[in-house]
N, C-alpha and C. Protein backbone atom coordinates (compact mmCIF):
# COMPACT_ATOMS: atom_id res chain seq x y z
N MET A 1 87.83 121.84 101.11
CA MET A 1 89.35 122.12 100.54
C MET A 1 89.86 123.22 101.20
N ALA A 2 91.15 123.15 101.37
CA ALA A 2 91.91 124.15 101.98
C ALA A 2 91.98 125.33 101.05
N PRO A 3 92.03 126.76 101.72
CA PRO A 3 91.90 127.93 100.92
C PRO A 3 93.25 127.85 99.95
N THR A 4 92.85 128.58 98.82
CA THR A 4 93.98 128.61 97.68
C THR A 4 95.05 129.49 98.24
N LYS A 5 96.18 129.05 98.13
CA LYS A 5 97.45 129.91 98.10
C LYS A 5 97.74 130.70 96.95
N TRP A 6 98.14 131.85 97.00
CA TRP A 6 98.34 132.62 95.80
C TRP A 6 99.89 133.05 95.85
N SER A 7 100.36 132.90 94.56
CA SER A 7 101.78 133.62 94.47
C SER A 7 101.89 134.98 94.33
N ARG A 8 103.10 135.54 94.26
CA ARG A 8 103.24 137.04 94.16
C ARG A 8 102.48 137.70 92.87
N SER A 9 102.46 136.75 91.81
CA SER A 9 101.91 137.31 90.49
C SER A 9 100.29 137.30 90.64
N GLY A 10 99.92 136.82 91.69
CA GLY A 10 98.48 136.78 91.72
C GLY A 10 97.54 135.52 91.34
N SER A 11 98.45 134.59 90.72
CA SER A 11 97.71 133.22 90.12
C SER A 11 97.96 132.29 91.20
N ALA A 12 97.19 131.11 91.16
CA ALA A 12 97.27 130.09 92.22
C ALA A 12 98.57 129.54 92.06
N ALA A 13 98.95 128.97 93.11
CA ALA A 13 100.14 128.33 93.39
C ALA A 13 100.44 126.94 92.56
N PRO A 14 101.44 126.62 92.12
CA PRO A 14 101.52 125.46 91.02
C PRO A 14 100.98 124.22 91.66
N HIS A 15 101.07 123.97 92.99
CA HIS A 15 100.51 122.62 93.46
C HIS A 15 98.81 122.86 93.48
N GLU A 16 98.38 123.93 93.54
CA GLU A 16 96.89 124.21 93.60
C GLU A 16 96.28 123.63 92.19
N ALA A 17 97.24 124.01 91.16
CA ALA A 17 96.86 123.94 89.70
C ALA A 17 96.99 122.34 89.44
N ALA A 18 97.93 121.71 89.95
CA ALA A 18 98.16 120.30 89.86
C ALA A 18 97.03 119.48 90.50
N GLN A 19 96.66 120.07 91.69
CA GLN A 19 95.47 119.42 92.39
C GLN A 19 94.21 119.56 91.60
N ARG A 20 93.93 120.77 91.01
CA ARG A 20 92.76 120.73 90.14
C ARG A 20 92.80 119.75 88.87
N ASP A 21 93.97 119.83 88.41
CA ASP A 21 94.30 118.64 87.29
C ASP A 21 93.85 117.27 87.79
N GLU A 22 94.46 116.88 88.83
CA GLU A 22 94.22 115.61 89.32
C GLU A 22 92.63 115.51 89.73
N GLU A 23 92.03 116.35 90.27
CA GLU A 23 90.59 116.18 90.46
C GLU A 23 89.85 116.14 89.13
N GLN A 24 90.26 116.81 88.11
CA GLN A 24 89.66 116.77 86.56
C GLN A 24 89.73 115.36 86.18
N ARG A 25 91.06 114.91 86.24
CA ARG A 25 91.24 113.48 85.85
C ARG A 25 90.54 112.43 86.50
N LEU A 26 90.16 112.73 87.78
CA LEU A 26 89.40 111.66 88.50
C LEU A 26 87.93 111.86 88.11
N ARG A 27 87.32 112.97 87.74
CA ARG A 27 85.95 113.01 87.14
C ARG A 27 85.90 112.36 85.83
N GLU A 28 87.07 112.51 84.85
CA GLU A 28 87.09 111.74 83.65
C GLU A 28 87.11 110.10 84.02
N LEU A 29 87.60 109.85 84.89
CA LEU A 29 87.71 108.26 85.30
C LEU A 29 86.35 107.82 85.91
N GLY A 30 85.51 108.95 86.36
CA GLY A 30 84.14 108.38 86.87
C GLY A 30 84.21 108.27 88.42
N TYR A 31 85.13 109.18 89.01
CA TYR A 31 85.38 109.30 90.46
C TYR A 31 85.00 110.63 90.97
N GLN A 32 84.33 110.76 91.96
CA GLN A 32 84.04 112.12 92.76
C GLN A 32 85.21 112.41 93.69
N PRO A 33 86.00 113.33 93.47
CA PRO A 33 87.25 113.67 94.48
C PRO A 33 86.69 114.09 95.79
N VAL A 34 87.04 113.21 96.61
CA VAL A 34 86.60 113.34 98.15
C VAL A 34 87.92 113.33 99.19
N LEU A 35 89.12 113.34 98.62
CA LEU A 35 90.11 113.08 99.43
C LEU A 35 90.32 114.46 100.57
N ALA A 36 90.29 114.19 101.62
CA ALA A 36 90.62 115.26 102.64
C ALA A 36 92.13 115.33 103.09
N ARG A 37 92.54 116.27 102.52
CA ARG A 37 93.97 116.25 102.83
C ARG A 37 94.16 116.97 104.30
N ARG A 38 94.40 116.09 105.34
CA ARG A 38 94.33 116.52 106.69
C ARG A 38 95.81 116.36 107.29
N MET A 39 96.78 115.99 106.39
CA MET A 39 98.14 115.79 107.02
C MET A 39 98.92 116.78 106.33
N GLY A 40 99.74 117.44 107.16
CA GLY A 40 100.75 118.53 106.61
C GLY A 40 101.91 117.75 106.18
N HIS A 41 102.89 118.73 105.67
CA HIS A 41 104.06 118.11 104.95
C HIS A 41 104.99 117.28 106.22
N PHE A 42 105.07 117.93 107.18
CA PHE A 42 106.03 117.31 108.46
C PHE A 42 105.28 115.81 108.52
N GLY A 43 103.98 115.94 108.94
CA GLY A 43 103.33 114.57 109.31
C GLY A 43 103.48 113.64 108.16
N ASN A 44 103.52 113.97 106.93
CA ASN A 44 103.58 113.04 105.72
C ASN A 44 104.94 112.47 105.68
N PHE A 45 105.94 113.52 105.94
CA PHE A 45 107.37 112.93 106.12
C PHE A 45 107.64 111.89 107.15
N ALA A 46 107.17 112.23 108.34
CA ALA A 46 107.06 111.46 109.56
C ALA A 46 106.72 110.06 109.39
N ILE A 47 105.46 110.11 108.69
CA ILE A 47 104.88 108.63 108.26
C ILE A 47 105.79 107.97 107.44
N SER A 48 106.25 108.63 106.17
CA SER A 48 107.04 108.00 105.28
C SER A 48 108.44 107.48 105.91
N PHE A 49 109.10 108.45 106.83
CA PHE A 49 110.30 107.86 107.48
C PHE A 49 109.99 106.80 108.27
N SER A 50 109.10 106.75 109.12
CA SER A 50 108.68 105.60 109.91
C SER A 50 108.47 104.38 109.07
N VAL A 51 107.83 104.35 108.22
CA VAL A 51 107.72 103.29 107.25
C VAL A 51 109.05 102.58 106.82
N ILE A 52 110.00 103.53 106.69
CA ILE A 52 111.35 102.94 106.25
C ILE A 52 111.88 102.16 107.33
N SER A 53 111.58 102.42 108.63
CA SER A 53 112.05 101.70 109.80
C SER A 53 113.53 101.60 110.03
N VAL A 54 114.32 102.64 109.90
CA VAL A 54 115.93 102.56 109.85
C VAL A 54 116.21 101.84 111.10
N LEU A 55 115.80 102.24 112.22
CA LEU A 55 116.13 101.61 113.54
C LEU A 55 115.62 100.13 113.84
N SER A 56 114.47 100.08 113.60
CA SER A 56 113.84 98.70 113.96
C SER A 56 113.75 97.96 112.91
N GLY A 57 114.04 98.19 111.64
CA GLY A 57 114.12 97.22 110.72
C GLY A 57 115.61 97.01 110.10
N CYS A 58 116.02 98.03 109.61
CA CYS A 58 117.45 97.74 108.90
C CYS A 58 118.49 97.42 110.02
N MET A 59 118.54 98.21 111.10
CA MET A 59 119.47 97.88 112.24
C MET A 59 119.33 96.54 112.89
N THR A 60 118.23 96.01 113.08
CA THR A 60 118.01 94.80 113.82
C THR A 60 118.37 93.81 112.63
N LEU A 61 118.21 93.91 111.56
CA LEU A 61 118.20 92.70 110.48
C LEU A 61 119.86 92.80 109.88
N TYR A 62 120.62 93.92 110.11
CA TYR A 62 121.97 94.02 109.49
C TYR A 62 122.81 92.99 110.20
N GLY A 63 122.63 92.67 111.39
CA GLY A 63 123.67 91.54 111.95
C GLY A 63 123.10 90.19 111.45
N PHE A 64 121.99 90.06 111.20
CA PHE A 64 121.46 88.77 110.65
C PHE A 64 122.09 88.69 109.19
N GLY A 65 122.06 89.60 108.48
CA GLY A 65 122.55 89.72 107.08
C GLY A 65 124.06 89.45 107.00
N LEU A 66 124.74 89.91 107.76
CA LEU A 66 126.17 89.83 107.94
C LEU A 66 126.54 88.50 108.28
N GLY A 67 125.65 87.93 109.34
CA GLY A 67 126.13 86.63 109.97
C GLY A 67 125.77 85.51 108.89
N THR A 68 124.62 85.58 108.17
CA THR A 68 124.23 84.43 107.26
C THR A 68 124.73 84.75 105.75
N GLY A 69 125.06 85.95 105.39
CA GLY A 69 125.70 86.08 103.92
C GLY A 69 126.99 86.73 103.85
N GLY A 70 127.36 87.49 104.86
CA GLY A 70 128.76 88.00 104.83
C GLY A 70 128.57 89.22 104.08
N PRO A 71 129.73 89.99 104.19
CA PRO A 71 129.82 91.46 103.68
C PRO A 71 129.54 91.50 102.26
N ALA A 72 130.07 90.52 101.25
CA ALA A 72 129.84 90.76 99.94
C ALA A 72 128.42 90.55 99.59
N VAL A 73 127.68 89.58 100.31
CA VAL A 73 126.22 89.33 99.76
C VAL A 73 125.60 90.69 100.38
N MET A 74 125.88 91.20 101.52
CA MET A 74 125.16 92.41 101.79
C MET A 74 125.27 93.45 100.83
N LEU A 75 126.59 93.85 100.45
CA LEU A 75 126.77 95.01 99.69
C LEU A 75 126.22 94.75 98.17
N TRP A 76 126.46 93.59 97.58
CA TRP A 76 125.72 93.29 96.29
C TRP A 76 124.31 93.22 96.39
N GLY A 77 123.93 92.45 97.27
CA GLY A 77 122.44 92.41 97.55
C GLY A 77 121.81 93.60 97.76
N TRP A 78 122.32 94.52 98.45
CA TRP A 78 121.69 95.94 98.67
C TRP A 78 121.80 96.81 97.27
N ILE A 79 122.81 96.70 96.60
CA ILE A 79 122.92 97.24 95.38
C ILE A 79 121.84 96.54 94.13
N GLY A 80 121.88 95.34 94.23
CA GLY A 80 120.95 94.82 93.18
C GLY A 80 119.49 94.92 93.44
N VAL A 81 119.17 94.62 94.77
CA VAL A 81 117.73 94.75 95.23
C VAL A 81 117.42 96.21 95.21
N GLY A 82 118.29 97.19 95.40
CA GLY A 82 118.06 98.58 95.39
C GLY A 82 117.71 99.02 94.03
N LEU A 83 118.47 98.53 92.98
CA LEU A 83 118.22 98.84 91.75
C LEU A 83 116.90 98.36 91.12
N PHE A 84 116.50 97.04 91.60
CA PHE A 84 115.18 96.48 91.24
C PHE A 84 114.00 97.35 91.77
N VAL A 85 114.26 97.59 93.02
CA VAL A 85 113.17 98.53 93.69
C VAL A 85 113.09 99.75 93.13
N LEU A 86 114.05 100.38 92.49
CA LEU A 86 114.02 101.75 91.83
C LEU A 86 113.31 101.64 90.76
N PHE A 87 113.66 100.62 89.86
CA PHE A 87 112.84 100.47 88.63
C PHE A 87 111.48 100.04 88.90
N VAL A 88 111.09 99.16 89.73
CA VAL A 88 109.65 98.94 89.90
C VAL A 88 108.96 100.30 90.47
N GLY A 89 109.72 101.05 91.33
CA GLY A 89 109.13 102.19 91.86
C GLY A 89 108.82 103.22 90.73
N LEU A 90 109.85 103.40 89.68
CA LEU A 90 109.68 104.13 88.75
C LEU A 90 108.52 103.90 87.82
N ALA A 91 108.45 102.61 87.46
CA ALA A 91 107.35 102.07 86.74
C ALA A 91 105.95 102.30 87.46
N LEU A 92 105.80 101.94 88.60
CA LEU A 92 104.66 102.25 89.27
C LEU A 92 104.34 103.64 89.46
N ALA A 93 105.22 104.59 89.71
CA ALA A 93 105.12 105.94 89.70
C ALA A 93 104.58 106.50 88.26
N GLU A 94 104.84 106.15 87.34
CA GLU A 94 104.74 106.48 86.05
C GLU A 94 103.19 106.22 85.70
N VAL A 95 102.86 104.87 85.95
CA VAL A 95 101.42 104.34 85.75
C VAL A 95 100.46 104.97 86.75
N THR A 96 100.86 105.12 87.93
CA THR A 96 99.96 105.69 88.98
C THR A 96 99.71 107.21 88.69
N SER A 97 100.64 107.83 88.12
CA SER A 97 100.26 109.37 87.92
C SER A 97 99.19 109.43 86.76
N ALA A 98 99.06 108.22 86.20
CA ALA A 98 98.05 108.45 85.07
C ALA A 98 96.67 107.96 85.77
N TYR A 99 96.62 107.38 86.89
CA TYR A 99 95.49 106.92 87.73
C TYR A 99 95.42 107.49 89.04
N PRO A 100 95.26 108.76 89.27
CA PRO A 100 95.23 109.50 90.57
C PRO A 100 94.30 109.16 91.64
N THR A 101 93.99 107.72 91.78
CA THR A 101 92.94 107.35 92.68
C THR A 101 93.44 106.76 93.94
N SER A 102 92.68 106.70 95.04
CA SER A 102 93.18 106.08 96.26
C SER A 102 93.19 104.53 95.79
N GLY A 103 94.22 103.81 96.35
CA GLY A 103 94.41 102.50 95.87
C GLY A 103 94.74 102.39 94.42
N ALA A 104 95.57 103.29 93.83
CA ALA A 104 95.94 103.42 92.47
C ALA A 104 96.60 102.03 92.03
N LEU A 105 97.30 101.51 92.83
CA LEU A 105 98.10 100.14 92.51
C LEU A 105 97.07 99.12 92.10
N TYR A 106 95.99 98.98 92.80
CA TYR A 106 95.08 97.78 92.53
C TYR A 106 94.04 98.35 91.28
N TYR A 107 93.96 99.58 91.20
CA TYR A 107 93.10 100.19 90.09
C TYR A 107 93.82 100.05 88.85
N MET A 108 95.24 100.46 88.90
CA MET A 108 96.02 100.32 87.61
C MET A 108 96.21 98.90 87.15
N ALA A 109 96.20 97.99 88.06
CA ALA A 109 96.33 96.44 87.72
C ALA A 109 95.02 95.97 87.15
N ASP A 110 94.11 96.33 87.80
CA ASP A 110 92.59 96.07 87.18
C ASP A 110 92.62 96.59 85.63
N ARG A 111 92.83 97.82 85.43
CA ARG A 111 92.75 98.54 84.13
C ARG A 111 93.73 97.89 83.02
N LEU A 112 94.92 97.81 83.62
CA LEU A 112 95.93 97.12 82.68
C LEU A 112 95.75 95.68 82.29
N GLY A 113 95.48 94.80 83.41
CA GLY A 113 95.57 93.52 83.35
C GLY A 113 94.33 92.65 83.61
N GLY A 114 93.18 93.57 83.75
CA GLY A 114 91.91 92.94 84.18
C GLY A 114 91.47 92.70 85.66
N ARG A 115 90.33 92.37 85.95
CA ARG A 115 89.91 92.00 87.46
C ARG A 115 90.79 91.30 88.27
N LYS A 116 91.20 90.05 87.58
CA LYS A 116 91.87 89.06 88.27
C LYS A 116 93.46 89.56 88.88
N TRP A 117 93.90 90.59 87.93
CA TRP A 117 95.41 91.04 88.23
C TRP A 117 94.97 92.15 89.46
N GLY A 118 94.17 92.81 89.37
CA GLY A 118 93.66 93.83 90.44
C GLY A 118 93.33 93.16 91.67
N TRP A 119 92.76 91.91 91.72
CA TRP A 119 92.68 91.17 92.77
C TRP A 119 93.98 90.63 93.32
N TYR A 120 94.78 90.03 92.60
CA TYR A 120 96.19 89.53 92.93
C TYR A 120 97.05 90.57 93.47
N THR A 121 96.96 91.78 92.82
CA THR A 121 97.75 92.85 93.38
C THR A 121 97.40 93.24 94.82
N GLY A 122 96.07 93.46 94.91
CA GLY A 122 95.58 93.85 96.20
C GLY A 122 96.05 92.75 97.23
N TRP A 123 95.78 91.37 97.17
CA TRP A 123 96.22 90.48 98.04
C TRP A 123 97.68 90.27 98.36
N LEU A 124 98.34 90.43 97.28
CA LEU A 124 99.92 90.31 97.31
C LEU A 124 100.40 91.62 98.11
N ASN A 125 99.95 92.77 97.79
CA ASN A 125 100.38 93.94 98.48
C ASN A 125 100.05 93.75 100.02
N LEU A 126 98.80 93.21 100.26
CA LEU A 126 98.39 92.96 101.73
C LEU A 126 99.27 92.14 102.28
N LEU A 127 99.44 90.95 101.75
CA LEU A 127 100.49 89.85 102.27
C LEU A 127 101.96 90.63 102.70
N GLY A 128 102.30 91.40 101.66
CA GLY A 128 103.65 91.96 101.81
C GLY A 128 103.67 92.93 103.00
N LEU A 129 102.60 93.73 102.98
CA LEU A 129 102.64 94.74 104.01
C LEU A 129 102.52 94.09 105.43
N LEU A 130 101.82 93.08 105.58
CA LEU A 130 101.52 92.33 106.93
C LEU A 130 102.97 91.57 107.26
N GLY A 131 103.66 91.04 106.30
CA GLY A 131 104.89 90.47 106.53
C GLY A 131 106.01 91.52 106.84
N ALA A 132 105.94 92.68 106.21
CA ALA A 132 106.99 93.79 106.46
C ALA A 132 106.72 94.20 107.99
N ILE A 133 105.43 94.48 108.14
CA ILE A 133 105.02 94.89 109.71
C ILE A 133 105.45 93.94 110.65
N ALA A 134 105.18 92.70 110.53
CA ALA A 134 105.49 91.77 111.39
C ALA A 134 106.96 91.70 111.54
N GLY A 135 107.79 91.56 110.51
CA GLY A 135 109.25 91.41 110.69
C GLY A 135 109.75 92.72 111.41
N ILE A 136 109.41 93.84 111.01
CA ILE A 136 109.96 95.07 111.61
C ILE A 136 109.48 95.20 113.16
N ASP A 137 108.19 94.85 113.38
CA ASP A 137 107.76 94.87 114.82
C ASP A 137 108.51 93.82 115.67
N TYR A 138 108.73 92.52 115.12
CA TYR A 138 109.54 91.62 115.79
C TYR A 138 110.84 92.03 116.05
N GLY A 139 111.59 92.72 114.97
CA GLY A 139 112.94 93.38 115.25
C GLY A 139 112.85 94.32 116.43
N ALA A 140 111.68 95.18 116.30
CA ALA A 140 111.57 96.13 117.57
C ALA A 140 111.51 95.52 118.81
N ALA A 141 110.82 94.39 118.80
CA ALA A 141 110.56 93.62 120.10
C ALA A 141 112.03 93.10 120.69
N LEU A 142 112.80 92.46 119.71
CA LEU A 142 114.14 92.04 120.20
C LEU A 142 115.01 93.37 120.54
N PHE A 143 114.74 94.25 119.94
CA PHE A 143 115.66 95.70 120.39
C PHE A 143 115.16 95.98 121.83
N THR A 144 113.99 96.17 121.99
CA THR A 144 113.32 96.52 123.19
C THR A 144 113.67 95.61 124.43
N GLY A 145 113.74 94.37 124.13
CA GLY A 145 114.21 93.33 125.02
C GLY A 145 115.62 93.50 125.44
N ALA A 146 116.57 93.83 124.46
CA ALA A 146 117.87 94.25 124.68
C ALA A 146 118.09 95.32 125.66
N VAL A 147 117.24 96.38 125.20
CA VAL A 147 117.20 97.78 126.08
C VAL A 147 116.96 97.47 127.35
N LEU A 148 115.92 96.79 127.55
CA LEU A 148 115.39 96.37 128.96
C LEU A 148 116.21 95.53 129.68
N ASN A 149 116.97 94.71 129.11
CA ASN A 149 118.10 93.89 129.63
C ASN A 149 119.19 94.74 130.00
N LEU A 150 119.66 95.87 129.40
CA LEU A 150 120.77 96.65 129.64
C LEU A 150 120.31 97.63 130.68
N GLN A 151 119.13 98.04 130.76
CA GLN A 151 118.81 99.15 131.78
C GLN A 151 118.32 98.52 133.10
N TRP A 152 117.60 97.56 133.03
CA TRP A 152 117.16 96.93 134.30
C TRP A 152 117.17 95.48 134.52
N GLY A 153 118.10 94.86 133.76
CA GLY A 153 118.36 93.44 133.97
C GLY A 153 117.38 92.43 133.52
N PHE A 154 116.39 92.91 132.80
CA PHE A 154 115.19 92.16 132.30
C PHE A 154 115.87 90.97 131.38
N ASP A 155 115.38 89.71 131.53
CA ASP A 155 115.91 88.58 130.80
C ASP A 155 114.87 88.41 129.55
N PRO A 156 115.36 88.74 128.24
CA PRO A 156 114.41 88.58 127.14
C PRO A 156 114.22 87.27 126.80
N THR A 157 113.48 86.32 127.37
CA THR A 157 113.26 85.00 126.82
C THR A 157 112.13 85.05 125.53
N PRO A 158 112.20 84.09 124.93
CA PRO A 158 111.42 83.82 123.84
C PRO A 158 110.00 84.19 124.14
N GLU A 159 109.51 83.92 125.18
CA GLU A 159 107.99 84.15 125.64
C GLU A 159 107.92 85.63 125.78
N SER A 160 108.69 86.28 126.47
CA SER A 160 108.71 87.81 126.90
C SER A 160 109.07 88.53 125.60
N THR A 161 109.72 88.10 124.64
CA THR A 161 109.97 88.73 123.46
C THR A 161 108.50 88.76 122.63
N MET A 162 107.96 87.67 122.71
CA MET A 162 106.70 87.52 122.00
C MET A 162 105.64 88.42 122.70
N LEU A 163 105.68 88.50 123.97
CA LEU A 163 104.71 89.56 124.51
C LEU A 163 104.83 90.87 124.22
N ILE A 164 106.35 91.44 124.23
CA ILE A 164 106.63 92.51 123.75
C ILE A 164 106.06 92.88 122.30
N PHE A 165 106.20 91.76 121.37
CA PHE A 165 105.93 91.79 120.08
C PHE A 165 104.43 92.16 119.99
N VAL A 166 103.63 91.45 120.63
CA VAL A 166 102.19 91.56 120.62
C VAL A 166 101.86 92.90 121.11
N ALA A 167 102.53 93.47 122.06
CA ALA A 167 102.18 94.90 122.65
C ALA A 167 102.42 95.82 121.67
N ILE A 168 103.51 95.73 120.86
CA ILE A 168 103.89 96.68 119.79
C ILE A 168 102.96 96.59 118.76
N LEU A 169 102.49 95.34 118.30
CA LEU A 169 101.43 95.27 117.31
C LEU A 169 100.11 95.73 117.81
N LEU A 170 99.72 95.69 119.13
CA LEU A 170 98.66 96.34 119.63
C LEU A 170 98.76 97.78 119.57
N VAL A 171 99.78 98.49 119.89
CA VAL A 171 99.93 99.90 119.74
C VAL A 171 99.81 100.26 118.34
N HIS A 172 100.38 99.79 117.41
CA HIS A 172 100.11 100.06 115.94
C HIS A 172 98.77 100.04 115.50
N ALA A 173 98.04 98.81 115.96
CA ALA A 173 96.50 98.76 115.60
C ALA A 173 95.61 100.03 116.22
N THR A 174 96.06 100.32 117.60
CA THR A 174 95.46 101.44 118.08
C THR A 174 95.65 102.69 117.45
N LEU A 175 96.86 103.03 117.22
CA LEU A 175 97.08 104.19 116.49
C LEU A 175 96.48 104.38 115.15
N ASN A 176 96.31 103.20 114.43
CA ASN A 176 95.72 103.16 113.21
C ASN A 176 94.13 103.36 113.22
N LEU A 177 93.59 102.82 114.39
CA LEU A 177 92.18 102.91 114.60
C LEU A 177 91.78 104.09 114.73
N PHE A 178 92.36 105.08 115.38
CA PHE A 178 91.99 106.63 115.64
C PHE A 178 92.47 107.72 114.67
N GLY A 179 92.80 107.09 113.45
CA GLY A 179 92.68 108.03 112.50
C GLY A 179 94.24 108.69 112.07
N VAL A 180 94.00 109.56 111.05
CA VAL A 180 95.39 110.24 110.58
C VAL A 180 95.82 111.37 111.49
N ARG A 181 94.93 112.01 112.15
CA ARG A 181 95.31 113.08 113.11
C ARG A 181 96.34 112.42 114.07
N LEU A 182 95.96 111.58 114.94
CA LEU A 182 96.81 110.94 115.95
C LEU A 182 98.08 110.33 115.32
N VAL A 183 97.97 109.74 114.31
CA VAL A 183 99.12 109.06 113.65
C VAL A 183 100.10 110.04 113.42
N SER A 184 99.71 111.26 112.78
CA SER A 184 100.51 112.25 112.24
C SER A 184 101.36 113.01 113.40
N VAL A 185 100.69 112.89 114.65
CA VAL A 185 101.25 113.40 115.77
C VAL A 185 102.61 112.52 116.12
């Protein structure tokens, strides 16, 4: 565990007290706390910002949304979906704060709805994650093909776009295989 940071008054910093409370709650739930906090604030922010995928996700799909739905659908869709996502996020944050475990989403579904709901939650979350990663990486492949075309006259055919897509997926897999330290860099 990292050394305790002390405030000017000589007591432990508030986040240290919160961490001790979380560890106590885990012990009450029957877990031995073993989370190694190896990522700093900037690395955590960088990972979170990367998951949002502003350039490779939003920007590549923006034209698709405007072309198929139009501006009104894009505006009201973003507002409506954004509100629903906010409500779901708030509900999950509230329940997850009561179960501060790794994989809290599955654990709380198991505790609140039974083993079957925990299993469904895990698989649906995995499928959603795989779909999101595939969509974002494909958008990044289209973007990469366009940049290569502008810079060097590369013709982004469907076959070459698929090869770029596979290369991006392989880079992601490699980064994730080598642990948190490499990913946080």
